Amino acid sequence: MIQVAYAVTWWLILLVVGLITFPLVSRVCGGLLDKGYSVSKILGLLLLTYFSWLVASLHLLKFGYLNISISLLLLLAFSIYLGRKNLSLKNLPLRKMLISEAVFSAAYVLFLIFLFYTPDIGFAHSEDFMDFAFIKSIMRSGYFPPPDPWLAGESIPYYYGGHMVTAALIMVSRVPPAIAYNLAVAMFFALALYASYGLGYNLTKRKLYGFVTVIFVCAVGFLSGAFQLAAFSLHRDFMGYSPTSAHNFPEWLRSFDFISANWLIKGAAIRNPFYAFLVGDLHSDVTDIPFQLLFVTLILALFLAKKNEPDSKMAKSDSLLTIIIMGLSLGFLAFVD
């Protein structure tokens, strides 16, 4: 039961971060049907991490609970100040917010169930050891850049934005890092899924296409699986894949070689989100997906704002704020991956 409590605590913190950031997001994404709620958690985590990183990098305050708490208060203050006039309670898209929240929560719970049955660290195909070392190093660092966990006297020579997002949430939630690691894996999957839904829904105004977007962004992988299935069904080589020794479809499915899907181009590993999520580590090819979807959503919001809003002083102010947020979001991608 204690681990369920940890999972609920993690979810509640994400809910609070999303609600705190929503006034700001609603101003930047006011032209979207859900006013940007489908990316409010992601932008909130981005800004919270950025504020914490900046304070620790300038050696104003060590990275830790106090640093993150102050950063959260800064996020709240900026969000209320910048979004107070744009967000009207009468025009609050409550139903759309609830649907987005339900999508996020369902994805979070389902992936936690998946991780419950696969909690182990797979050495051959995973980078969990490195990712966990980065998180622990960030938590112990105090000031930034954080130290390299393998080479004393050096800093981490790698992008660690996604690891810092996780470390900040661990600090706030007080969840043990060994448990929080899997909670973070489920979180990044759920963030990607609910942002995908929001992007498809806001673009087409159809919930169905929101879920179609989810399938293509978060579930569909390369055609390698289809080629392997064709080789098994036809009992002969197909597109470079040989049939396996499985006697029936369930046996083939259990022995499916999803690792080879990353080697469609000889000598080059090309990872798709479906594979990366299944591996279950916190590497950059997983943690950057929600932030990429955030940036695409901001582009859509800017396009709709330019198309629908008059050339007024308020519109110019909104555009300036959008450009600032987009600049931070684009720069954060280099920090995450």
C-alpha atoms as a PDB file:
ATOM      1  CA  MET A   1       0.000   0.000   0.000  1.00  0.00           C
ATOM      2  CA  ILE A   2       2.876   2.376   0.680  1.00  0.00           C
ATOM      3  CA  GLN A   3       3.947   2.192  -2.960  1.00  0.00           C
ATOM      4  CA  VAL A   4       0.380   3.010  -4.062  1.00  0.00           C
ATOM      5  CA  ALA A   5       0.534   6.052  -1.779  1.00  0.00           C
ATOM      6  CA  TYR A   6       3.791   7.099  -3.444  1.00  0.00           C
ATOM      7  CA  ALA A   7       2.184   6.779  -6.882  1.00  0.00           C
ATOM      8  CA  VAL A   8      -0.823   8.867  -5.789  1.00  0.00           C
ATOM      9  CA  THR A   9       1.467  11.508  -4.248  1.00  0.00           C
ATOM     10  CA  TRP A  10       3.435  11.753  -7.501  1.00  0.00           C
ATOM     11  CA  TRP A  11       0.181  12.121  -9.468  1.00  0.00           C
ATOM     12  CA  LEU A  12      -1.122  14.824  -7.123  1.00  0.00           C
ATOM     13  CA  ILE A  13       2.076  16.862  -7.475  1.00  0.00           C
ATOM     14  CA  LEU A  14       1.761  16.710 -11.260  1.00  0.00           C
ATOM     15  CA  LEU A  15      -1.879  17.783 -10.983  1.00  0.00           C
ATOM     16  CA  VAL A  16      -0.895  20.790  -8.855  1.00  0.00           C
ATOM     17  CA  VAL A  17       1.916  21.740 -11.264  1.00  0.00           C
ATOM     18  CA  GLY A  18      -0.511  21.578 -14.195  1.00  0.00           C
ATOM     19  CA  LEU A  19      -3.169  23.682 -12.450  1.00  0.00           C
ATOM     20  CA  ILE A  20      -0.618  26.260 -11.306  1.00  0.00           C
ATOM     21  CA  THR A  21       0.700  26.636 -14.861  1.00  0.00           C
ATOM     22  CA  PHE A  22      -2.701  26.671 -16.564  1.00  0.00           C
ATOM     23  CA  PRO A  23      -3.344  30.462 -16.293  1.00  0.00           C
ATOM     24  CA  LEU A  24      -0.074  31.087 -18.123  1.00  0.00           C
ATOM     25  CA  VAL A  25      -0.715  28.337 -20.663  1.00  0.00           C
ATOM     26  CA  SER A  26      -4.243  29.587 -21.304  1.00  0.00           C
ATOM     27  CA  ARG A  27      -2.848  32.941 -22.376  1.00  0.00           C
ATOM     28  CA  VAL A  28      -0.220  31.442 -24.659  1.00  0.00           C
ATOM     29  CA  CYS A  29      -2.595  28.802 -26.062  1.00  0.00           C
ATOM     30  CA  GLY A  30      -5.866  30.729 -25.852  1.00  0.00           C
ATOM     31  CA  GLY A  31      -6.772  29.791 -29.431  1.00  0.00           C
ATOM     32  CA  LEU A  32      -6.825  26.077 -28.677  1.00  0.00           C
ATOM     33  CA  LEU A  33     -10.023  24.293 -27.700  1.00  0.00           C
ATOM     34  CA  ASP A  34      -8.630  23.169 -24.354  1.00  0.00           C
ATOM     35  CA  LYS A  35      -6.644  26.420 -23.923  1.00  0.00           C
ATOM     36  CA  GLY A  36      -3.473  24.366 -23.706  1.00  0.00           C
ATOM     37  CA  TYR A  37      -4.367  22.233 -20.700  1.00  0.00           C
ATOM     38  CA  SER A  38      -2.972  19.183 -22.501  1.00  0.00           C
ATOM     39  CA  VAL A  39       0.537  20.656 -22.157  1.00  0.00           C
ATOM     40  CA  SER A  40       0.174  22.563 -18.880  1.00  0.00           C
ATOM     41  CA  LYS A  41       1.919  19.864 -16.839  1.00  0.00           C
ATOM     42  CA  ILE A  42       4.789  19.698 -19.332  1.00  0.00           C
ATOM     43  CA  LEU A  43       5.314  23.460 -19.441  1.00  0.00           C
ATOM     44  CA  GLY A  44       5.030  23.593 -15.659  1.00  0.00           C
ATOM     45  CA  LEU A  45       7.749  20.961 -15.249  1.00  0.00           C
ATOM     46  CA  LEU A  46       9.908  22.778 -17.792  1.00  0.00           C
ATOM     47  CA  LEU A  47       9.653  26.152 -16.021  1.00  0.00           C
ATOM     48  CA  LEU A  48      10.019  24.620 -12.553  1.00  0.00           C
ATOM     49  CA  THR A  49      13.168  22.796 -13.650  1.00  0.00           C
ATOM     50  CA  TYR A  50      14.521  25.883 -15.398  1.00  0.00           C
ATOM     51  CA  PHE A  51      14.040  28.119 -12.358  1.00  0.00           C
ATOM     52  CA  SER A  52      15.669  25.520 -10.079  1.00  0.00           C
ATOM     53  CA  TRP A  53      18.565  25.012 -12.475  1.00  0.00           C
ATOM     54  CA  LEU A  54      19.149  28.767 -12.856  1.00  0.00           C
ATOM     55  CA  VAL A  55      19.182  29.402  -9.102  1.00  0.00           C
ATOM     56  CA  ALA A  56      21.593  26.508  -8.481  1.00  0.00           C
ATOM     57  CA  SER A  57      23.792  27.392 -11.470  1.00  0.00           C
ATOM     58  CA  LEU A  58      24.181  30.982 -10.243  1.00  0.00           C
ATOM     59  CA  HIS A  59      25.099  29.595  -6.799  1.00  0.00           C
ATOM     60  CA  LEU A  60      22.261  31.532  -5.187  1.00  0.00           C
ATOM     61  CA  LEU A  61      20.750  28.490  -3.493  1.00  0.00           C
ATOM     62  CA  LYS A  62      21.661  24.815  -3.470  1.00  0.00           C
ATOM     63  CA  PHE A  63      19.471  22.431  -5.398  1.00  0.00           C
ATOM     64  CA  GLY A  64      17.101  20.861  -2.918  1.00  0.00           C
ATOM     65  CA  TYR A  65      13.702  21.117  -1.298  1.00  0.00           C
ATOM     66  CA  LEU A  66      13.953  24.862  -0.532  1.00  0.00           C
ATOM     67  CA  ASN A  67      15.225  25.696  -4.014  1.00  0.00           C
ATOM     68  CA  ILE A  68      12.409  23.773  -5.688  1.00  0.00           C
ATOM     69  CA  SER A  69       9.753  25.194  -3.331  1.00  0.00           C
ATOM     70  CA  ILE A  70      10.838  28.757  -4.126  1.00  0.00           C
ATOM     71  CA  SER A  71      10.891  27.903  -7.841  1.00  0.00           C
ATOM     72  CA  LEU A  72       7.345  26.556  -7.534  1.00  0.00           C
ATOM     73  CA  LEU A  73       6.233  29.807  -5.876  1.00  0.00           C
ATOM     74  CA  LEU A  74       7.912  31.770  -8.676  1.00  0.00           C
ATOM     75  CA  LEU A  75       6.034  29.675 -11.232  1.00  0.00           C
ATOM     76  CA  LEU A  76       2.759  30.350  -9.404  1.00  0.00           C
ATOM     77  CA  ALA A  77       3.440  34.102  -9.246  1.00  0.00           C
ATOM     78  CA  PHE A  78       4.390  34.391 -12.923  1.00  0.00           C
ATOM     79  CA  SER A  79       1.452  32.262 -14.019  1.00  0.00           C
ATOM     80  CA  ILE A  80      -1.121  34.257 -12.053  1.00  0.00           C
ATOM     81  CA  TYR A  81       0.357  37.624 -13.015  1.00  0.00           C
ATOM     82  CA  LEU A  82       0.695  36.900 -16.728  1.00  0.00           C
ATOM     83  CA  GLY A  83      -2.485  34.855 -17.112  1.00  0.00           C
ATOM     84  CA  ARG A  84      -4.891  36.567 -14.724  1.00  0.00           C
ATOM     85  CA  LYS A  85      -6.668  38.641 -17.385  1.00  0.00           C
ATOM     86  CA  ASN A  86      -6.865  35.949 -20.023  1.00  0.00           C
ATOM     87  CA  LEU A  87      -8.471  33.203 -17.940  1.00  0.00           C
ATOM     88  CA  SER A  88     -12.150  33.669 -17.186  1.00  0.00           C
ATOM     89  CA  LEU A  89     -13.916  31.198 -14.915  1.00  0.00           C
ATOM     90  CA  LYS A  90     -17.000  31.452 -17.130  1.00  0.00           C
ATOM     91  CA  ASN A  91     -14.982  30.367 -20.173  1.00  0.00           C
ATOM     92  CA  LEU A  92     -13.035  27.659 -18.366  1.00  0.00           C
ATOM     93  CA  PRO A  93     -12.971  24.525 -20.609  1.00  0.00           C
ATOM     94  CA  LEU A  94     -13.744  22.315 -17.625  1.00  0.00           C
ATOM     95  CA  ARG A  95     -15.069  19.338 -19.590  1.00  0.00           C
ATOM     96  CA  LYS A  96     -12.073  19.310 -21.923  1.00  0.00           C
ATOM     97  CA  MET A  97      -9.740  19.621 -18.937  1.00  0.00           C
ATOM     98  CA  LEU A  98     -11.378  16.648 -17.243  1.00  0.00           C
ATOM     99  CA  ILE A  99     -11.059  14.537 -20.398  1.00  0.00           C
ATOM    100  CA  SER A 100      -7.365  15.419 -20.729  1.00  0.00           C
ATOM    101  CA  GLU A 101      -6.828  14.631 -17.063  1.00  0.00           C
ATOM    102  CA  ALA A 102      -8.599  11.299 -17.482  1.00  0.00           C
ATOM    103  CA  VAL A 103      -6.384  10.450 -20.473  1.00  0.00           C
ATOM    104  CA  PHE A 104      -3.258  11.312 -18.486  1.00  0.00           C
ATOM    105  CA  SER A 105      -4.365   9.394 -15.385  1.00  0.00           C
ATOM    106  CA  ALA A 106      -5.359   6.288 -17.351  1.00  0.00           C
ATOM    107  CA  ALA A 107      -2.018   6.232 -19.171  1.00  0.00           C
ATOM    108  CA  TYR A 108      -0.152   6.740 -15.902  1.00  0.00           C
ATOM    109  CA  VAL A 109      -1.955   3.875 -14.155  1.00  0.00           C
ATOM    110  CA  LEU A 110      -1.736   1.483 -17.123  1.00  0.00           C
ATOM    111  CA  PHE A 111       1.991   2.000 -17.507  1.00  0.00           C
ATOM    112  CA  LEU A 112       2.544   1.545 -13.779  1.00  0.00           C
ATOM    113  CA  ILE A 113       0.738  -1.799 -14.082  1.00  0.00           C
ATOM    114  CA  PHE A 114       3.038  -2.717 -16.972  1.00  0.00           C
ATOM    115  CA  LEU A 115       6.096  -1.761 -14.908  1.00  0.00           C
ATOM    116  CA  PHE A 116       4.728  -3.755 -11.966  1.00  0.00           C
ATOM    117  CA  TYR A 117       5.206  -6.908 -14.043  1.00  0.00           C
ATOM    118  CA  THR A 118       8.586  -5.787 -15.440  1.00  0.00           C
ATOM    119  CA  PRO A 119      10.356  -4.007 -12.551  1.00  0.00           C
ATOM    120  CA  ASP A 120      13.796  -5.437 -13.279  1.00  0.00           C
ATOM    121  CA  ILE A 121      16.686  -3.599 -14.902  1.00  0.00           C
ATOM    122  CA  GLY A 122      17.611  -5.222 -18.190  1.00  0.00           C
ATOM    123  CA  PHE A 123      21.361  -4.840 -18.552  1.00  0.00           C
ATOM    124  CA  ALA A 124      21.576  -5.849 -22.210  1.00  0.00           C
ATOM    125  CA  HIS A 125      19.139  -3.341 -23.671  1.00  0.00           C
ATOM    126  CA  SER A 126      18.755  -0.689 -20.977  1.00  0.00           C
ATOM    127  CA  GLU A 127      20.621   2.358 -19.714  1.00  0.00           C
ATOM    128  CA  ASP A 128      18.975   2.382 -16.293  1.00  0.00           C
ATOM    129  CA  PHE A 129      22.291   2.287 -14.442  1.00  0.00           C
ATOM    130  CA  MET A 130      23.513   5.477 -16.095  1.00  0.00           C
ATOM    131  CA  ASP A 131      20.166   7.252 -15.782  1.00  0.00           C
ATOM    132  CA  PHE A 132      19.798   6.391 -12.098  1.00  0.00           C
ATOM    133  CA  ALA A 133      23.396   7.496 -11.445  1.00  0.00           C
ATOM    134  CA  PHE A 134      22.667  10.861 -13.063  1.00  0.00           C
ATOM    135  CA  ILE A 135      19.555  11.367 -10.920  1.00  0.00           C
ATOM    136  CA  LYS A 136      21.428  10.564  -7.704  1.00  0.00           C
ATOM    137  CA  SER A 137      24.330  12.805  -8.727  1.00  0.00           C
ATOM    138  CA  ILE A 138      21.968  15.726  -9.377  1.00  0.00           C
ATOM    139  CA  MET A 139      20.280  15.207  -6.010  1.00  0.00           C
ATOM    140  CA  ARG A 140      23.650  15.279  -4.213  1.00  0.00           C
ATOM    141  CA  SER A 141      25.241  18.076  -6.237  1.00  0.00           C
ATOM    142  CA  GLY A 142      24.049  21.209  -4.437  1.00  0.00           C
ATOM    143  CA  TYR A 143      25.239  23.645  -7.091  1.00  0.00           C
ATOM    144  CA  PHE A 144      25.372  23.024 -10.828  1.00  0.00           C
ATOM    145  CA  PRO A 145      26.759  21.619 -13.034  1.00  0.00           C
ATOM    146  CA  PRO A 146      26.330  18.305 -11.199  1.00  0.00           C
ATOM    147  CA  PRO A 147      29.392  16.081 -10.749  1.00  0.00           C
ATOM    148  CA  ASP A 148      30.131  13.163 -13.024  1.00  0.00           C
ATOM    149  CA  PRO A 149      29.189  10.010 -11.055  1.00  0.00           C
ATOM    150  CA  TRP A 150      32.118   8.074 -12.583  1.00  0.00           C
ATOM    151  CA  LEU A 151      34.948  10.615 -12.865  1.00  0.00           C
ATOM    152  CA  ALA A 152      35.783  12.609  -9.728  1.00  0.00           C
ATOM    153  CA  GLY A 153      36.363  16.307 -10.251  1.00  0.00           C
ATOM    154  CA  GLU A 154      34.443  16.465 -13.524  1.00  0.00           C
ATOM    155  CA  SER A 155      30.845  17.467 -14.292  1.00  0.00           C
ATOM    156  CA  ILE A 156      28.291  15.371 -16.186  1.00  0.00           C
ATOM    157  CA  PRO A 157      29.303  15.593 -19.876  1.00  0.00           C
ATOM    158  CA  TYR A 158      25.808  14.780 -21.082  1.00  0.00           C
ATOM    159  CA  TYR A 159      22.350  16.305 -21.360  1.00  0.00           C
ATOM    160  CA  TYR A 160      20.584  15.733 -18.057  1.00  0.00           C
ATOM    161  CA  GLY A 161      17.385  17.794 -18.296  1.00  0.00           C
ATOM    162  CA  GLY A 162      15.028  14.830 -18.045  1.00  0.00           C
ATOM    163  CA  HIS A 163      16.997  13.469 -15.107  1.00  0.00           C
ATOM    164  CA  MET A 164      16.757  16.842 -13.376  1.00  0.00           C
ATOM    165  CA  VAL A 165      12.965  16.927 -13.860  1.00  0.00           C
ATOM    166  CA  THR A 166      12.826  13.560 -12.102  1.00  0.00           C
ATOM    167  CA  ALA A 167      15.236  14.644  -9.368  1.00  0.00           C
ATOM    168  CA  ALA A 168      13.147  17.759  -8.646  1.00  0.00           C
ATOM    169  CA  LEU A 169       9.981  15.706  -8.266  1.00  0.00           C
ATOM    170  CA  ILE A 170      11.780  13.255  -5.991  1.00  0.00           C
ATOM    171  CA  MET A 171      12.907  16.148  -3.798  1.00  0.00           C
ATOM    172  CA  VAL A 172       9.390  17.565  -3.550  1.00  0.00           C
ATOM    173  CA  SER A 173       7.520  14.289  -3.123  1.00  0.00           C
ATOM    174  CA  ARG A 174      10.075  12.634  -0.795  1.00  0.00           C
ATOM    175  CA  VAL A 175       9.457   9.375  -2.660  1.00  0.00           C
ATOM    176  CA  PRO A 176      12.473   7.010  -2.389  1.00  0.00           C
ATOM    177  CA  PRO A 177      14.530   7.290  -5.616  1.00  0.00           C
ATOM    178  CA  ALA A 178      14.386   3.539  -6.289  1.00  0.00           C
ATOM    179  CA  ILE A 179      10.576   3.729  -6.394  1.00  0.00           C
ATOM    180  CA  ALA A 180      10.405   7.171  -8.005  1.00  0.00           C
ATOM    181  CA  TYR A 181      12.421   5.923 -10.976  1.00  0.00           C
ATOM    182  CA  ASN A 182       9.544   3.789 -12.255  1.00  0.00           C
ATOM    183  CA  LEU A 183       7.004   6.475 -11.349  1.00  0.00           C
ATOM    184  CA  ALA A 184       8.943   8.866 -13.566  1.00  0.00           C
ATOM    185  CA  VAL A 185       8.989   6.359 -16.450  1.00  0.00           C
ATOM    186  CA  ALA A 186       5.196   6.073 -16.228  1.00  0.00           C
ATOM    187  CA  MET A 187       4.914   9.853 -15.932  1.00  0.00           C
ATOM    188  CA  PHE A 188       6.850  10.580 -19.130  1.00  0.00           C
ATOM    189  CA  PHE A 189       4.751   8.029 -21.012  1.00  0.00           C
ATOM    190  CA  ALA A 190       1.520   9.579 -19.680  1.00  0.00           C
ATOM    191  CA  LEU A 191       2.733  13.116 -20.482  1.00  0.00           C
ATOM    192  CA  ALA A 192       3.516  12.094 -24.062  1.00  0.00           C
ATOM    193  CA  LEU A 193       0.177  10.363 -24.445  1.00  0.00           C
ATOM    194  CA  TYR A 194      -1.965  13.178 -23.101  1.00  0.00           C
ATOM    195  CA  ALA A 195      -0.037  15.808 -25.072  1.00  0.00           C
ATOM    196  CA  SER A 196      -0.525  13.713 -28.231  1.00  0.00           C
ATOM    197  CA  TYR A 197      -4.246  13.512 -27.552  1.00  0.00           C
ATOM    198  CA  GLY A 198      -4.427  17.266 -27.031  1.00  0.00           C
ATOM    199  CA  LEU A 199      -2.498  17.989 -30.201  1.00  0.00           C
ATOM    200  CA  GLY A 200      -4.763  15.808 -32.343  1.00  0.00           C
ATOM    201  CA  TYR A 201      -7.924  17.130 -30.705  1.00  0.00           C
ATOM    202  CA  ASN A 202      -6.968  20.800 -30.947  1.00  0.00           C
ATOM    203  CA  LEU A 203      -5.908  20.409 -34.558  1.00  0.00           C
ATOM    204  CA  THR A 204      -9.039  18.580 -35.783  1.00  0.00           C
ATOM    205  CA  LYS A 205     -11.659  19.436 -33.112  1.00  0.00           C
ATOM    206  CA  ARG A 206     -12.456  15.712 -32.949  1.00  0.00           C
ATOM    207  CA  LYS A 207     -11.793  13.514 -29.914  1.00  0.00           C
ATOM    208  CA  LEU A 208     -11.466  10.488 -32.190  1.00  0.00           C
ATOM    209  CA  TYR A 209      -8.517  12.025 -34.001  1.00  0.00           C
ATOM    210  CA  GLY A 210      -7.000  12.885 -30.651  1.00  0.00           C
ATOM    211  CA  PHE A 211      -6.840   9.165 -29.876  1.00  0.00           C
ATOM    212  CA  VAL A 212      -5.635   8.416 -33.417  1.00  0.00           C
ATOM    213  CA  THR A 213      -2.762  10.823 -32.787  1.00  0.00           C
ATOM    214  CA  VAL A 214      -1.989   8.946 -29.572  1.00  0.00           C
ATOM    215  CA  ILE A 215      -1.730   5.684 -31.500  1.00  0.00           C
ATOM    216  CA  PHE A 216       0.608   7.050 -34.146  1.00  0.00           C
ATOM    217  CA  VAL A 217       2.830   8.986 -31.736  1.00  0.00           C
ATOM    218  CA  CYS A 218       3.010   6.645 -28.740  1.00  0.00           C
ATOM    219  CA  ALA A 219       2.108   3.154 -29.945  1.00  0.00           C
ATOM    220  CA  VAL A 220       2.979   2.584 -33.595  1.00  0.00           C
ATOM    221  CA  GLY A 221       6.591   1.593 -34.159  1.00  0.00           C
ATOM    222  CA  PHE A 222       8.544   0.729 -37.256  1.00  0.00           C
ATOM    223  CA  LEU A 223       7.335  -1.732 -39.899  1.00  0.00           C
ATOM    224  CA  SER A 224       9.839  -4.282 -38.645  1.00  0.00           C
ATOM    225  CA  GLY A 225       7.129  -6.060 -36.645  1.00  0.00           C
ATOM    226  CA  ALA A 226       4.879  -6.375 -39.693  1.00  0.00           C
ATOM    227  CA  PHE A 227       7.783  -7.751 -41.734  1.00  0.00           C
ATOM    228  CA  GLN A 228       8.612 -10.317 -39.044  1.00  0.00           C
ATOM    229  CA  LEU A 229       4.951 -11.347 -38.828  1.00  0.00           C
ATOM    230  CA  ALA A 230       4.797 -11.732 -42.608  1.00  0.00           C
ATOM    231  CA  ALA A 231       7.914 -13.951 -42.566  1.00  0.00           C
ATOM    232  CA  PHE A 232       6.349 -16.124 -39.843  1.00  0.00           C
ATOM    233  CA  SER A 233       2.996 -16.365 -41.642  1.00  0.00           C
ATOM    234  CA  LEU A 234       4.461 -17.105 -45.070  1.00  0.00           C
ATOM    235  CA  HIS A 235       7.147 -19.483 -43.704  1.00  0.00           C
ATOM    236  CA  ARG A 236       9.811 -17.820 -45.823  1.00  0.00           C
ATOM    237  CA  ASP A 237      12.120 -14.819 -45.813  1.00  0.00           C
ATOM    238  CA  PHE A 238      10.372 -11.474 -46.158  1.00  0.00           C
ATOM    239  CA  MET A 239      12.076  -8.086 -46.526  1.00  0.00           C
ATOM    240  CA  GLY A 240      15.272  -9.389 -44.972  1.00  0.00           C
ATOM    241  CA  TYR A 241      13.579 -11.202 -42.054  1.00  0.00           C
ATOM    242  CA  SER A 242      13.589 -14.968 -41.664  1.00  0.00           C
ATOM    243  CA  PRO A 243      10.719 -16.956 -40.138  1.00  0.00           C
ATOM    244  CA  THR A 244      11.160 -17.964 -36.496  1.00  0.00           C
ATOM    245  CA  SER A 245      10.832 -21.467 -35.067  1.00  0.00           C
ATOM    246  CA  ALA A 246       7.564 -20.595 -33.254  1.00  0.00           C
ATOM    247  CA  HIS A 247       4.766 -23.117 -33.842  1.00  0.00           C
ATOM    248  CA  ASN A 248       1.802 -20.761 -33.397  1.00  0.00           C
ATOM    249  CA  PHE A 249       0.972 -17.086 -33.171  1.00  0.00           C
ATOM    250  CA  PRO A 250       0.915 -16.788 -29.325  1.00  0.00           C
ATOM    251  CA  GLU A 251       4.344 -18.410 -29.189  1.00  0.00           C
ATOM    252  CA  TRP A 252       5.624 -16.070 -31.909  1.00  0.00           C
ATOM    253  CA  LEU A 253       4.229 -13.080 -30.042  1.00  0.00           C
ATOM    254  CA  ARG A 254       5.952 -14.099 -26.803  1.00  0.00           C
ATOM    255  CA  SER A 255       9.281 -14.509 -28.603  1.00  0.00           C
ATOM    256  CA  PHE A 256       8.911 -11.386 -30.794  1.00  0.00           C
ATOM    257  CA  ASP A 257      12.280  -9.701 -31.340  1.00  0.00           C
ATOM    258  CA  PHE A 258      11.352  -6.068 -30.810  1.00  0.00           C
ATOM    259  CA  ILE A 259      15.038  -5.164 -30.310  1.00  0.00           C
ATOM    260  CA  SER A 260      15.794  -5.676 -34.017  1.00  0.00           C
ATOM    261  CA  ALA A 261      13.249  -2.977 -34.873  1.00  0.00           C
ATOM    262  CA  ASN A 262      15.949  -0.449 -33.976  1.00  0.00           C
ATOM    263  CA  TRP A 263      18.296  -1.708 -36.673  1.00  0.00           C
ATOM    264  CA  LEU A 264      16.336  -1.097 -39.863  1.00  0.00           C
ATOM    265  CA  ILE A 265      19.401   0.717 -41.191  1.00  0.00           C
ATOM    266  CA  LYS A 266      22.509  -1.439 -40.908  1.00  0.00           C
ATOM    267  CA  GLY A 267      24.937  -0.087 -38.337  1.00  0.00           C
ATOM    268  CA  ALA A 268      22.589   2.648 -37.084  1.00  0.00           C
ATOM    269  CA  ALA A 269      20.258   2.395 -34.094  1.00  0.00           C
ATOM    270  CA  ILE A 270      16.989   4.233 -34.804  1.00  0.00           C
ATOM    271  CA  ARG A 271      14.712   4.129 -31.799  1.00  0.00           C
ATOM    272  CA  ASN A 272      10.986   4.687 -31.980  1.00  0.00           C
ATOM    273  CA  PRO A 273       8.895   5.839 -28.984  1.00  0.00           C
ATOM    274  CA  PHE A 274       7.099   2.490 -28.677  1.00  0.00           C
ATOM    275  CA  TYR A 275      10.388   0.648 -28.179  1.00  0.00           C
ATOM    276  CA  ALA A 276      11.810   3.303 -25.879  1.00  0.00           C
ATOM    277  CA  PHE A 277       8.751   3.180 -23.607  1.00  0.00           C
ATOM    278  CA  LEU A 278       8.767  -0.624 -23.485  1.00  0.00           C
ATOM    279  CA  VAL A 279      12.401  -0.711 -22.390  1.00  0.00           C
ATOM    280  CA  GLY A 280      11.309   1.386 -19.424  1.00  0.00           C
ATOM    281  CA  ASP A 281      14.383   3.511 -18.773  1.00  0.00           C
ATOM    282  CA  LEU A 282      14.737   7.266 -18.286  1.00  0.00           C
ATOM    283  CA  HIS A 283      17.064   7.906 -21.167  1.00  0.00           C
ATOM    284  CA  SER A 284      16.849  11.072 -23.215  1.00  0.00           C
ATOM    285  CA  ASP A 285      15.005   9.376 -26.089  1.00  0.00           C
ATOM    286  CA  VAL A 286      12.079   8.942 -23.657  1.00  0.00           C
ATOM    287  CA  THR A 287      12.213  12.105 -21.567  1.00  0.00           C
ATOM    288  CA  ASP A 288      12.392  14.457 -24.547  1.00  0.00           C
ATOM    289  CA  ILE A 289       9.176  13.242 -26.230  1.00  0.00           C
ATOM    290  CA  PRO A 290       6.699  15.271 -24.092  1.00  0.00           C
ATOM    291  CA  PHE A 291       8.781  18.430 -24.548  1.00  0.00           C
ATOM    292  CA  GLN A 292       8.876  17.958 -28.310  1.00  0.00           C
ATOM    293  CA  LEU A 293       5.082  17.667 -28.296  1.00  0.00           C
ATOM    294  CA  LEU A 294       4.895  20.810 -26.148  1.00  0.00           C
ATOM    295  CA  PHE A 295       6.859  22.747 -28.761  1.00  0.00           C
ATOM    296  CA  VAL A 296       4.664  21.466 -31.610  1.00  0.00           C
ATOM    297  CA  THR A 297       1.556  22.474 -29.634  1.00  0.00           C
ATOM    298  CA  LEU A 298       2.977  25.963 -29.088  1.00  0.00           C
ATOM    299  CA  ILE A 299       3.567  26.282 -32.837  1.00  0.00           C
ATOM    300  CA  LEU A 300      -0.065  25.324 -33.465  1.00  0.00           C
ATOM    301  CA  ALA A 301      -1.250  27.853 -30.861  1.00  0.00           C
ATOM    302  CA  LEU A 302       0.863  30.621 -32.412  1.00  0.00           C
ATOM    303  CA  PHE A 303      -0.476  29.826 -35.884  1.00  0.00           C
ATOM    304  CA  LEU A 304      -4.096  29.932 -34.699  1.00  0.00           C
ATOM    305  CA  ALA A 305      -3.492  33.160 -32.760  1.00  0.00           C
ATOM    306  CA  LYS A 306      -2.059  34.886 -35.834  1.00  0.00           C
ATOM    307  CA  LYS A 307      -4.951  33.609 -37.912  1.00  0.00           C
ATOM    308  CA  ASN A 308      -7.790  34.598 -35.572  1.00  0.00           C
ATOM    309  CA  GLU A 309      -6.678  37.552 -33.461  1.00  0.00           C
ATOM    310  CA  PRO A 310      -6.675  41.209 -34.569  1.00  0.00           C
ATOM    311  CA  ASP A 311      -3.466  43.219 -34.697  1.00  0.00           C
ATOM    312  CA  SER A 312      -3.930  44.855 -31.303  1.00  0.00           C
ATOM    313  CA  LYS A 313      -1.640  45.804 -28.453  1.00  0.00           C
ATOM    314  CA  MET A 314      -2.883  42.825 -26.436  1.00  0.00           C
ATOM    315  CA  ALA A 315      -2.305  40.484 -29.371  1.00  0.00           C
ATOM    316  CA  LYS A 316       1.256  41.749 -29.748  1.00  0.00           C
ATOM    317  CA  SER A 317       1.865  41.248 -26.043  1.00  0.00           C
ATOM    318  CA  ASP A 318       0.529  37.689 -26.261  1.00  0.00           C
ATOM    319  CA  SER A 319       2.754  37.002 -29.261  1.00  0.00           C
ATOM    320  CA  LEU A 320       5.813  38.269 -27.372  1.00  0.00           C
ATOM    321  CA  LEU A 321       5.014  36.027 -24.415  1.00  0.00           C
ATOM    322  CA  THR A 322       4.474  33.085 -26.776  1.00  0.00           C
ATOM    323  CA  ILE A 323       7.840  33.682 -28.436  1.00  0.00           C
ATOM    324  CA  ILE A 324       9.562  33.769 -25.026  1.00  0.00           C
ATOM    325  CA  ILE A 325       7.884  30.535 -23.950  1.00  0.00           C
ATOM    326  CA  MET A 326       8.679  28.937 -27.308  1.00  0.00           C
ATOM    327  CA  GLY A 327      12.307  30.025 -27.002  1.00  0.00           C
ATOM    328  CA  LEU A 328      12.591  28.422 -23.577  1.00  0.00           C
ATOM    329  CA  SER A 329      10.854  25.277 -24.845  1.00  0.00           C
ATOM    330  CA  LEU A 330      13.155  24.987 -27.867  1.00  0.00           C
ATOM    331  CA  GLY A 331      16.269  25.597 -25.770  1.00  0.00           C
ATOM    332  CA  PHE A 332      15.105  23.051 -23.196  1.00  0.00           C
ATOM    333  CA  LEU A 333      15.180  20.349 -25.877  1.00  0.00           C
ATOM    334  CA  ALA A 334      18.969  20.712 -26.032  1.00  0.00           C
ATOM    335  CA  PHE A 335      19.065  20.326 -22.250  1.00  0.00           C
ATOM    336  CA  VAL A 336      16.962  17.146 -22.353  1.00  0.00           C
ATOM    337  CA  ASP A 337      18.384  15.538 -25.495  1.00  0.00           C
END
